Amino acid sequence: MRSLRMLAVAIATVIAGSGCTAPAAERGSAGHPHDGDALRVVGPFEVHSVAPVESSGLFTRLEVAETLVSSDLEGELQPGLSPSWTVSSDGREWTFDLPAGATFHDGTPVTPDAVAASLQEAYEEPASPLAAAPVESIGADGDAVRIELEQPYPSLPATLTHYSTAVLAPASWDGDRVTEVIGTGPYEIEDIELPARVEVTRFDDFRGEAPAIEQVSFQTVARAESRALMAVSDQADVVFGLEPAGRERVDGSDTAEMVSSLQPRSLMMKVNVDDPLLDDVRVRQALSLALDRESMADAVLREPELAATQLFPPSLTAWNQPDLEPLAHDTAAAAALLDEAGWTAGPDGVRTRDGQPLRLTLTTYPDRPELPALATAIQASLEEVGVQVKVDVTNSSEIPARHADGTLQLGLLAKHLALVTDPLPTVAETFAEEGSEWGVMEWRNDDVARAIADLEAGADEAAAEQDRTTIATAAQEELPLIPVAWYRMNAAVSGHLDGFVMDPLERTWHLSQATWAS
């Protein structure tokens, strides 16, 4: 079939790339690691700021900074910097205890005032989930920190697992700007070169168990081919973000092995619902119907079962709706919807309406190596129904920038739907009525707004179940976000390393628990 041949060729072209030379190894020679070696982590992630809210969580993943509350691999809340917490009977006052004798990396004590000030900074950051909480005040309460709320907010402890709420020492700030990452974790910063390199070393005064590995280095490597080469040539110990060809290369090597974890992340197209080409729901439904998700997931992700049938993946058990009519692939139905919306096929195959061609720009970024390949596949699928798509692979910062100035039409992105252990704050941000940089754009739904408000107020389980169904159904029917695939996080791990754990929520890389293999 012509469309499938085109799809295969397009995907192969993007995945194959060209030859490359990996960056030089940091070690003088290959061989078994020893106590003096740094654990070398490589990934596609760039860090453009040391401010927690703008760090993409790198400093909590490297265990330099801690949040008050943590979580285990199943998403259950666990002590973080705070060993315990309580809530008042009316649900409006939360008290978080602090560990006795704890210090920041600069040697200053972890005091209630210092922690409260750090949390206040996070609360004042619009991009932090904490900013959406109904906070009345944050302050010291004896040896603890008290957060008073205007109304009950059961998600507060989960919100405090988000990396933007990482607690930093007062000296981290110069005025209202973060200039240093002075945290409380088992590792402290040794050197930073933004956006591509961070080196950390063991913090000897950490209140808990000392890491077995003394030093860790993180390096940004943009090209997926380079990352794969580093994984199989002993130039890195943990390598994130490998594309299928790279994963196959690791599987065929004897120096590293692949580890993976299904994540509460969806690969989706963000749609500018206010764009005159996309404001008709029939057009958005047609775009969705044109996508052969199973073929895309098979060709790009090598796992056809990752084809998305709805926005919320099965890993979000409370939010995934098994009874929801699944998203389907039906080019005839897509064409019929476009006809109905007034878009007729032209002599060159591109649909037009009132003399205007149906041409769209799909913006994406290479930080997740599968995104450009999926974008090319989407381009080929939509061409089959007369929609011409230009793919623009650029910096990830262009998604929020074009959202802000209104020029974004379609944005292909990877959205983590549980940035905190309770997905509700992320869902509320994704479907915010005013729009969201990494969520909806110019789309509002009164039923969804009411359902989110009900959940945030602490609805009982029966009502909460109905609220979640309302949100998922509206998203499926109106498609302000068009799901493409679900996501499996993977990493290549050197045979020199023991104890590496993949966190489905990506809160931490658990490097303090790793050891060198004997």
Protein backbone atom coordinates (compact mmCIF):
# COMPACT_ATOMS: atom_id res chain seq x y z
CA MET A 1 0.00 0.00 0.00
CA ARG A 2 1.45 3.36 -1.06
CA SER A 3 0.78 5.12 2.24
CA LEU A 4 2.51 2.46 4.32
CA ARG A 5 5.51 2.41 1.95
CA MET A 6 5.79 6.18 2.22
CA LEU A 7 5.50 5.96 5.98
CA ALA A 8 8.23 3.34 6.23
CA VAL A 9 10.59 5.29 4.01
CA ALA A 10 9.96 8.53 5.89
CA ILE A 11 10.54 6.95 9.28
CA ALA A 12 13.64 5.09 8.15
CA THR A 13 15.13 8.30 6.82
CA VAL A 14 14.72 10.12 10.13
CA ILE A 15 15.83 7.22 12.33
CA ALA A 16 18.88 6.32 10.29
CA GLY A 17 20.54 9.73 10.45
CA SER A 18 24.18 9.91 9.45
CA GLY A 19 27.48 8.67 10.82
CA CYS A 20 29.03 10.41 13.79
CA THR A 21 31.92 10.36 16.18
CA ALA A 22 31.16 10.12 19.87
CA PRO A 23 32.63 12.69 22.22
CA ALA A 24 35.89 11.62 23.80
CA ALA A 25 35.65 9.52 26.94
CA GLU A 26 36.26 11.24 30.22
CA ARG A 27 38.35 8.34 31.44
CA GLY A 28 41.87 7.85 30.24
CA SER A 29 41.13 4.28 29.12
CA ALA A 30 38.36 1.72 29.05
CA GLY A 31 38.17 -0.97 31.69
CA HIS A 32 36.54 -1.80 34.98
CA PRO A 33 35.50 1.23 37.03
CA HIS A 34 37.03 1.76 40.43
CA ASP A 35 36.37 3.92 43.41
CA GLY A 36 38.05 6.99 41.95
CA ASP A 37 35.96 7.06 38.78
CA ALA A 38 32.98 9.29 38.19
CA LEU A 39 29.73 7.66 37.21
CA ARG A 40 29.08 9.09 33.72
CA VAL A 41 25.46 9.85 32.80
CA VAL A 42 24.56 10.95 29.26
CA GLY A 43 21.23 12.15 27.90
CA PRO A 44 19.62 14.54 25.43
CA PHE A 45 18.43 16.91 28.15
CA GLU A 46 19.77 20.45 28.21
CA VAL A 47 19.69 22.60 31.35
CA HIS A 48 19.35 26.30 30.67
CA SER A 49 18.95 27.51 34.25
CA VAL A 50 19.88 26.52 37.79
CA ALA A 51 16.47 27.68 39.04
CA PRO A 52 14.55 24.56 40.12
CA VAL A 53 11.41 25.49 38.17
CA GLU A 54 13.45 25.82 34.94
CA SER A 55 15.80 22.87 35.48
CA SER A 56 13.56 20.08 34.14
CA GLY A 57 14.26 18.26 37.38
CA LEU A 58 17.94 17.57 36.71
CA PHE A 59 19.09 18.62 40.18
CA THR A 60 16.58 16.36 41.94
CA ARG A 61 17.42 13.51 39.54
CA LEU A 62 21.07 13.96 40.45
CA GLU A 63 20.04 14.07 44.15
CA VAL A 64 21.58 17.47 44.77
CA ALA A 65 18.32 19.06 45.90
CA GLU A 66 15.47 17.44 47.83
CA THR A 67 11.77 18.12 48.00
CA LEU A 68 9.91 17.99 51.30
CA VAL A 69 8.00 14.91 50.15
CA SER A 70 9.26 12.06 47.97
CA SER A 71 7.69 8.95 46.44
CA ASP A 72 8.56 5.33 45.79
CA LEU A 73 8.59 3.57 42.42
CA GLU A 74 4.84 2.98 42.65
CA GLY A 75 4.13 6.65 43.25
CA GLU A 76 3.29 6.23 46.93
CA LEU A 77 4.29 9.20 49.06
CA GLN A 78 7.46 8.81 51.12
CA PRO A 79 9.49 11.11 53.37
CA GLY A 80 11.79 13.48 51.52
CA LEU A 81 13.54 16.27 53.38
CA SER A 82 10.55 16.14 55.74
CA PRO A 83 10.48 12.90 57.76
CA SER A 84 6.76 13.27 58.57
CA TRP A 85 3.77 15.59 58.19
CA THR A 86 0.27 16.10 59.55
CA VAL A 87 -2.89 17.87 58.45
CA SER A 88 -5.54 19.61 60.54
CA SER A 89 -9.05 18.19 60.83
CA ASP A 90 -10.42 20.82 58.45
CA GLY A 91 -7.74 20.05 55.83
CA ARG A 92 -6.47 23.64 55.74
CA GLU A 93 -3.23 23.46 57.75
CA TRP A 94 -0.35 21.16 56.89
CA THR A 95 2.69 20.84 59.16
CA PHE A 96 5.93 19.38 57.81
CA ASP A 97 8.58 18.31 60.29
CA LEU A 98 12.26 18.87 59.52
CA PRO A 99 15.21 16.58 60.29
CA ALA A 100 17.23 17.49 63.36
CA GLY A 101 20.75 18.68 62.66
CA ALA A 102 20.43 18.71 58.86
CA THR A 103 22.59 21.17 56.93
CA PHE A 104 22.69 22.63 53.44
CA HIS A 105 25.74 22.01 51.29
CA ASP A 106 27.23 25.35 52.35
CA GLY A 107 27.17 24.24 55.98
CA THR A 108 24.25 26.43 57.06
CA PRO A 109 21.48 24.75 59.08
CA VAL A 110 18.21 23.62 57.57
CA THR A 111 15.82 25.86 59.50
CA PRO A 112 12.05 26.29 59.21
CA ASP A 113 12.55 29.88 58.07
CA ALA A 114 14.98 28.85 55.32
CA VAL A 115 12.69 26.08 54.07
CA ALA A 116 9.62 28.32 54.19
CA ALA A 117 11.44 31.01 52.20
CA SER A 118 12.45 28.47 49.56
CA LEU A 119 8.89 27.18 49.25
CA GLN A 120 7.58 30.73 49.02
CA GLU A 121 9.86 31.30 46.02
CA ALA A 122 8.42 28.17 44.38
CA TYR A 123 4.87 29.29 45.13
CA GLU A 124 5.52 32.59 43.36
CA GLU A 125 6.68 30.80 40.18
CA PRO A 126 3.69 30.48 37.82
CA ALA A 127 5.22 27.38 36.18
CA SER A 128 5.34 25.48 39.48
CA PRO A 129 2.38 23.24 40.38
CA LEU A 130 2.56 24.76 43.84
CA ALA A 131 1.39 28.06 42.35
CA ALA A 132 -1.97 26.44 41.60
CA ALA A 133 -2.51 25.39 45.22
CA PRO A 134 -4.80 27.61 47.34
CA VAL A 135 -1.96 28.71 49.63
CA GLU A 136 -2.71 31.38 52.20
CA SER A 137 0.68 31.43 53.93
CA ILE A 138 3.94 29.51 54.30
CA GLY A 139 5.93 29.98 57.49
CA ALA A 140 7.84 28.52 60.40
CA ASP A 141 5.99 26.71 63.18
CA GLY A 142 8.48 25.88 65.91
CA ASP A 143 10.86 23.31 64.41
CA ALA A 144 8.52 22.64 61.47
CA VAL A 145 7.09 24.38 58.41
CA ARG A 146 3.38 25.16 58.31
CA ILE A 147 1.43 25.74 55.10
CA GLU A 148 -2.01 27.28 55.59
CA LEU A 149 -4.57 26.95 52.80
CA GLU A 150 -7.60 28.99 51.84
CA GLN A 151 -9.49 25.72 51.34
CA PRO A 152 -8.72 21.99 51.61
CA TYR A 153 -6.28 20.75 48.98
CA PRO A 154 -5.61 17.03 49.43
CA SER A 155 -2.99 17.03 46.65
CA LEU A 156 -0.60 19.30 48.57
CA PRO A 157 1.87 16.58 49.69
CA ALA A 158 1.95 15.18 46.14
CA THR A 159 2.50 18.69 44.78
CA LEU A 160 5.49 19.02 47.08
CA THR A 161 7.19 16.11 45.29
CA HIS A 162 7.61 18.29 42.19
CA TYR A 163 11.16 19.37 41.38
CA SER A 164 10.17 23.04 41.30
CA THR A 165 9.63 22.84 45.09
CA ALA A 166 13.17 21.60 45.79
CA VAL A 167 14.49 23.23 48.94
CA LEU A 168 17.56 25.45 48.49
CA ALA A 169 19.71 27.34 50.98
CA PRO A 170 19.22 31.10 51.35
CA ALA A 171 22.61 31.69 49.68
CA SER A 172 21.27 30.13 46.48
CA TRP A 173 19.50 33.39 45.67
CA ASP A 174 20.80 36.74 44.54
CA GLY A 175 17.69 38.82 45.09
CA ASP A 176 14.86 36.88 43.46
CA ARG A 177 17.17 34.99 41.09
CA VAL A 178 18.69 31.55 41.74
CA THR A 179 22.42 31.68 41.05
CA GLU A 180 23.61 28.49 42.80
CA VAL A 181 22.12 25.11 43.61
CA ILE A 182 22.86 24.67 47.31
CA GLY A 183 20.69 21.78 48.38
CA THR A 184 20.49 19.12 51.06
CA GLY A 185 20.88 15.88 49.08
CA PRO A 186 23.59 13.20 49.19
CA TYR A 187 25.42 14.89 46.30
CA GLU A 188 26.56 18.51 46.01
CA ILE A 189 27.50 20.56 42.95
CA GLU A 190 31.17 20.52 42.02
CA ASP A 191 30.97 22.24 38.62
CA ILE A 192 28.33 23.39 36.12
CA GLU A 193 28.65 24.48 32.52
CA LEU A 194 25.18 25.28 31.22
CA PRO A 195 23.52 23.90 29.23
CA ALA A 196 25.50 20.71 28.78
CA ARG A 197 27.50 19.58 31.80
CA VAL A 198 26.98 19.11 35.53
CA GLU A 199 29.42 17.43 37.90
CA VAL A 200 28.51 16.46 41.45
CA THR A 201 30.40 14.93 44.34
CA ARG A 202 29.39 13.14 47.52
CA PHE A 203 28.23 15.45 50.35
CA ASP A 204 30.10 14.17 53.37
CA ASP A 205 27.71 15.72 55.89
CA PHE A 206 24.56 14.19 54.42
CA ARG A 207 22.27 13.12 57.26
CA GLY A 208 21.52 9.72 55.67
CA GLU A 209 23.49 6.86 54.18
CA ALA A 210 26.47 8.04 52.14
CA PRO A 211 26.46 7.12 48.43
CA ALA A 212 28.87 4.35 47.48
CA ILE A 213 29.88 6.20 44.30
CA GLU A 214 31.69 9.41 45.12
CA GLN A 215 31.32 11.41 41.90
CA VAL A 216 28.74 11.69 39.13
CA SER A 217 28.99 13.62 35.88
CA PHE A 218 26.11 14.46 33.55
CA GLN A 219 26.72 15.38 29.93
CA THR A 220 24.24 16.52 27.31
CA VAL A 221 24.74 14.77 23.97
CA ALA A 222 22.24 15.86 21.35
CA ARG A 223 22.72 13.20 18.69
CA ALA A 224 21.09 9.85 19.40
CA GLU A 225 23.73 8.06 17.32
CA SER A 226 26.48 9.53 19.51
CA ARG A 227 24.70 8.44 22.66
CA ALA A 228 24.38 4.88 21.37
CA LEU A 229 28.05 4.77 20.46
CA MET A 230 29.01 6.00 23.91
CA ALA A 231 26.84 3.29 25.49
CA VAL A 232 28.52 0.41 23.64
CA SER A 233 32.10 1.75 23.74
CA ASP A 234 32.39 2.24 27.51
CA GLN A 235 32.31 6.03 27.25
CA ALA A 236 29.28 6.32 29.53
CA ASP A 237 27.73 4.30 32.35
CA VAL A 238 24.07 5.35 31.99
CA VAL A 239 22.72 6.60 28.66
CA PHE A 240 19.18 7.95 28.31
CA GLY A 241 17.14 8.64 25.20
CA LEU A 242 18.18 5.94 22.75
CA GLU A 243 16.17 5.53 19.55
CA PRO A 244 15.26 2.01 18.34
CA ALA A 245 18.43 1.58 16.25
CA GLY A 246 20.51 2.55 19.25
CA ARG A 247 18.64 0.19 21.54
CA GLU A 248 19.23 -2.67 19.10
CA ARG A 249 22.92 -1.80 19.07
CA VAL A 250 23.05 -1.99 22.86
CA ASP A 251 21.14 -5.27 22.87
CA GLY A 252 23.81 -6.69 20.56
CA SER A 253 26.71 -5.56 22.71
CA ASP A 254 28.35 -7.18 25.70
CA THR A 255 29.21 -3.91 27.47
CA ALA A 256 25.75 -2.60 28.42
CA GLU A 257 22.15 -3.67 28.78
CA MET A 258 18.84 -1.92 28.29
CA VAL A 259 16.49 -1.19 31.19
CA SER A 260 13.08 0.35 30.71
CA SER A 261 9.89 1.41 32.44
CA LEU A 262 6.42 2.28 31.19
CA GLN A 263 5.71 5.86 32.12
CA PRO A 264 2.65 8.05 32.66
CA ARG A 265 3.73 10.02 29.59
CA SER A 266 1.90 10.55 26.32
CA LEU A 267 3.27 11.66 22.96
CA MET A 268 0.67 14.02 21.57
CA MET A 269 -0.09 16.84 19.18
CA LYS A 270 -0.98 20.10 20.86
CA VAL A 271 -3.54 21.97 18.71
CA ASN A 272 -4.15 25.70 18.46
CA VAL A 273 -7.94 25.55 18.63
CA ASP A 274 -8.16 29.25 17.81
CA ASP A 275 -6.40 28.83 14.46
CA PRO A 276 -8.99 29.22 11.66
CA LEU A 277 -7.70 26.04 10.06
CA LEU A 278 -8.17 24.05 13.28
CA ASP A 279 -11.08 25.63 15.15
CA ASP A 280 -13.59 23.16 13.66
CA VAL A 281 -13.68 20.02 15.79
CA ARG A 282 -14.34 18.00 12.63
CA VAL A 283 -10.91 18.95 11.33
CA ARG A 284 -9.25 17.87 14.57
CA GLN A 285 -11.17 14.61 14.50
CA ALA A 286 -10.09 14.08 10.88
CA LEU A 287 -6.44 14.65 11.78
CA SER A 288 -6.78 12.04 14.51
CA LEU A 289 -8.51 9.52 12.25
CA ALA A 290 -5.79 9.90 9.63
CA LEU A 291 -3.08 8.72 12.01
CA ASP A 292 -2.03 5.09 11.70
CA ARG A 293 -0.85 4.99 15.30
CA GLU A 294 -0.13 1.28 15.44
CA SER A 295 2.16 1.41 12.39
CA MET A 296 3.87 4.49 13.80
CA ALA A 297 4.43 2.90 17.20
CA ASP A 298 5.75 -0.24 15.52
CA ALA A 299 8.11 1.61 13.16
CA VAL A 300 9.34 4.33 15.51
CA LEU A 301 9.04 2.83 18.99
CA ARG A 302 9.30 -0.84 17.96
CA GLU A 303 6.26 -1.51 20.15
CA PRO A 304 2.88 -1.39 18.36
CA GLU A 305 1.09 -1.77 21.70
CA LEU A 306 2.25 1.74 22.62
CA ALA A 307 -0.17 3.19 20.05
CA ALA A 308 -2.37 5.57 22.07
CA THR A 309 -6.09 4.84 22.16
CA GLN A 310 -6.74 7.78 24.51
CA LEU A 311 -4.83 10.54 26.27
CA PHE A 312 -4.28 8.81 29.62
CA PRO A 313 -2.07 5.71 29.38
CA PRO A 314 -2.88 2.47 31.20
CA SER A 315 -0.14 3.22 33.73
CA LEU A 316 -2.46 5.93 35.13
CA THR A 317 -4.98 3.38 36.33
CA ALA A 318 -7.37 5.86 37.96
CA TRP A 319 -7.46 8.10 34.87
CA ASN A 320 -7.35 5.63 31.99
CA GLN A 321 -10.89 4.86 30.82
CA PRO A 322 -11.22 1.28 29.51
CA ASP A 323 -14.82 1.91 28.35
CA LEU A 324 -13.91 4.97 26.26
CA GLU A 325 -14.31 4.53 22.50
CA PRO A 326 -10.69 4.13 21.39
CA LEU A 327 -9.06 6.43 18.88
CA ALA A 328 -9.11 4.71 15.51
CA HIS A 329 -7.41 4.87 12.12
CA ASP A 330 -9.91 5.43 9.32
CA THR A 331 -8.79 7.50 6.33
CA ALA A 332 -12.21 7.29 4.64
CA ALA A 333 -13.90 8.72 7.73
CA ALA A 334 -11.21 11.40 7.97
CA ALA A 335 -11.80 12.41 4.36
CA ALA A 336 -15.56 12.52 4.91
CA LEU A 337 -15.17 14.82 7.92
CA LEU A 338 -12.92 17.18 5.96
CA ASP A 339 -15.47 17.22 3.11
CA GLU A 340 -18.21 18.01 5.62
CA ALA A 341 -16.12 20.85 7.06
CA GLY A 342 -15.83 22.37 3.57
CA TRP A 343 -12.31 21.27 2.69
CA THR A 344 -12.26 19.82 -0.82
CA ALA A 345 -9.38 18.06 -2.55
CA GLY A 346 -7.49 20.17 -5.09
CA PRO A 347 -5.71 19.00 -8.27
CA ASP A 348 -2.41 18.73 -6.36
CA GLY A 349 -4.04 16.64 -3.64
CA VAL A 350 -4.04 19.44 -1.06
CA ARG A 351 -7.46 20.34 0.28
CA THR A 352 -8.70 23.91 0.03
CA ARG A 353 -11.61 25.96 1.36
CA ASP A 354 -12.53 29.32 -0.13
CA GLY A 355 -9.23 29.30 -1.99
CA GLN A 356 -7.12 28.67 1.14
CA PRO A 357 -5.03 25.48 1.22
CA LEU A 358 -5.05 23.25 4.30
CA ARG A 359 -1.37 23.69 5.10
CA LEU A 360 -0.12 23.35 8.66
CA THR A 361 3.21 23.57 10.48
CA LEU A 362 4.02 20.85 13.00
CA THR A 363 6.62 22.02 15.51
CA THR A 364 8.65 19.49 17.48
CA TYR A 365 12.09 19.05 19.05
CA PRO A 366 14.86 16.42 19.16
CA ASP A 367 15.27 16.14 22.95
CA ARG A 368 13.15 13.01 22.72
CA PRO A 369 14.68 11.24 19.69
CA GLU A 370 11.43 9.58 18.67
CA LEU A 371 9.60 12.89 18.18
CA PRO A 372 11.16 13.93 14.83
CA ALA A 373 10.57 10.42 13.47
CA LEU A 374 6.95 10.50 14.61
CA ALA A 375 6.54 13.96 13.09
CA THR A 376 7.66 12.64 9.71
CA ALA A 377 5.23 9.74 10.04
CA ILE A 378 2.39 12.12 10.92
CA GLN A 379 3.29 14.25 7.91
CA ALA A 380 3.00 11.22 5.62
CA SER A 381 -0.31 10.09 7.16
CA LEU A 382 -1.95 13.51 6.89
CA GLU A 383 -0.79 13.89 3.29
CA GLU A 384 -2.94 10.86 2.47
CA VAL A 385 -6.09 12.81 3.35
CA GLY A 386 -5.03 16.04 1.66
CA VAL A 387 -3.47 17.90 4.60
CA GLN A 388 -0.06 19.35 3.81
CA VAL A 389 2.24 19.51 6.83
CA LYS A 390 5.60 21.21 7.21
CA VAL A 391 7.68 19.67 10.01
CA ASP A 392 9.81 22.13 11.96
CA VAL A 393 12.33 20.40 14.25
CA THR A 394 13.70 23.09 16.55
CA ASN A 395 14.49 23.81 20.19
CA SER A 396 11.94 22.59 22.72
CA SER A 397 11.63 26.18 23.96
CA GLU A 398 9.83 27.04 20.72
CA ILE A 399 6.71 25.15 21.83
CA PRO A 400 5.98 27.51 24.76
CA ALA A 401 7.29 30.52 22.81
CA ARG A 402 4.92 29.92 19.90
CA HIS A 403 2.11 29.16 22.33
CA ALA A 404 2.72 32.54 23.93
CA ASP A 405 2.73 34.53 20.70
CA GLY A 406 -0.11 32.55 19.11
CA THR A 407 1.90 31.32 16.09
CA LEU A 408 1.86 27.63 17.02
CA GLN A 409 -0.49 25.52 14.90
CA LEU A 410 0.47 21.96 15.86
CA GLY A 411 3.11 20.97 18.40
CA LEU A 412 4.31 17.40 18.80
CA LEU A 413 5.49 16.90 22.36
CA ALA A 414 6.05 14.36 25.09
CA LYS A 415 3.87 15.22 28.09
CA HIS A 416 4.42 13.63 31.49
CA LEU A 417 0.95 13.41 33.01
CA ALA A 418 2.11 12.74 36.57
CA LEU A 419 4.83 15.26 37.30
CA VAL A 420 3.77 14.82 40.90
CA THR A 421 2.61 11.54 42.38
CA ASP A 422 -1.03 12.59 42.16
CA PRO A 423 -1.75 13.32 38.47
CA LEU A 424 -4.42 15.92 39.35
CA PRO A 425 -2.12 18.99 39.54
CA THR A 426 -0.62 18.10 36.15
CA VAL A 427 -4.06 17.46 34.66
CA ALA A 428 -5.31 20.78 36.03
CA GLU A 429 -2.31 22.57 34.49
CA THR A 430 -2.73 20.73 31.17
CA PHE A 431 -6.38 21.76 30.83
CA ALA A 432 -6.11 25.22 32.42
CA GLU A 433 -8.82 27.52 31.06
CA GLU A 434 -6.23 30.19 30.28
CA GLY A 435 -4.21 27.64 28.32
CA SER A 436 -0.97 25.85 29.10
CA GLU A 437 2.43 25.97 27.41
CA TRP A 438 2.60 22.17 27.38
CA GLY A 439 -1.16 21.61 27.36
CA VAL A 440 -4.25 23.00 25.68
CA MET A 441 -4.22 26.14 23.58
CA GLU A 442 -7.31 28.33 23.29
CA TRP A 443 -9.60 25.50 24.39
CA ARG A 444 -12.11 25.72 27.22
CA ASN A 445 -14.75 23.30 28.42
CA ASP A 446 -17.05 24.15 31.33
CA ASP A 447 -17.62 20.51 32.27
CA VAL A 448 -13.88 19.89 32.46
CA ALA A 449 -13.34 23.02 34.55
CA ARG A 450 -16.06 21.95 37.00
CA ALA A 451 -14.67 18.41 37.22
CA ILE A 452 -11.16 19.66 37.98
CA ALA A 453 -12.48 22.07 40.63
CA ASP A 454 -14.46 19.23 42.22
CA LEU A 455 -11.38 17.00 42.34
CA GLU A 456 -9.23 19.76 43.80
CA ALA A 457 -11.82 20.27 46.54
CA GLY A 458 -11.46 16.63 47.60
CA ALA A 459 -14.43 14.88 45.97
CA ASP A 460 -15.34 11.48 47.38
CA GLU A 461 -14.21 8.48 45.34
CA ALA A 462 -17.50 7.95 43.47
CA ALA A 463 -17.66 11.60 42.43
CA ALA A 464 -13.94 11.63 41.64
CA GLU A 465 -14.35 8.66 39.32
CA GLN A 466 -17.09 10.48 37.43
CA ASP A 467 -15.01 13.65 37.28
CA ARG A 468 -12.07 11.78 35.76
CA THR A 469 -14.38 10.20 33.21
CA THR A 470 -15.77 13.63 32.30
CA ILE A 471 -12.28 15.00 31.65
CA ALA A 472 -11.11 12.01 29.62
CA THR A 473 -14.31 11.93 27.54
CA ALA A 474 -14.22 15.63 26.67
CA ALA A 475 -10.57 15.36 25.67
CA GLN A 476 -11.37 12.36 23.46
CA GLU A 477 -14.31 14.03 21.75
CA GLU A 478 -12.97 17.53 21.20
CA LEU A 479 -9.27 16.68 20.76
CA PRO A 480 -7.52 19.86 21.89
CA LEU A 481 -4.64 17.41 22.34
CA ILE A 482 -4.37 14.57 19.82
CA PRO A 483 -2.76 11.51 21.43
CA VAL A 484 -0.28 9.62 19.24
CA ALA A 485 1.55 7.13 21.44
CA TRP A 486 2.31 6.19 25.00
CA TYR A 487 5.87 6.09 26.23
CA ARG A 488 8.45 3.71 27.62
CA MET A 489 11.53 5.30 29.17
CA ASN A 490 14.74 3.45 28.43
CA ALA A 491 18.38 3.65 29.39
CA ALA A 492 21.52 1.75 28.51
CA VAL A 493 23.37 0.75 31.67
CA SER A 494 27.00 -0.33 31.75
CA GLY A 495 27.86 -3.76 33.02
CA HIS A 496 30.25 -1.99 35.41
CA LEU A 497 27.28 -0.63 37.38
CA ASP A 498 25.01 -2.39 39.87
CA GLY A 499 21.81 -1.16 41.49
CA PHE A 500 20.58 1.29 38.87
CA VAL A 501 16.80 1.76 39.17
CA MET A 502 14.49 3.31 36.58
CA ASP A 503 11.92 5.59 38.22
CA PRO A 504 8.66 5.68 36.21
CA LEU A 505 7.98 9.19 37.53
CA GLU A 506 11.52 10.39 36.66
CA ARG A 507 11.84 12.11 40.03
CA THR A 508 15.31 10.72 40.67
CA TRP A 509 17.87 8.44 39.04
CA HIS A 510 18.60 6.80 42.43
CA LEU A 511 22.34 7.08 41.76
CA SER A 512 23.09 7.27 45.49
CA GLN A 513 21.92 3.64 45.71
CA ALA A 514 24.12 2.40 42.85
CA THR A 515 27.47 0.66 43.31
CA TRP A 516 30.31 -0.37 41.06
CA ALA A 517 30.11 -4.03 40.08
CA SER A 518 32.72 -6.19 41.70
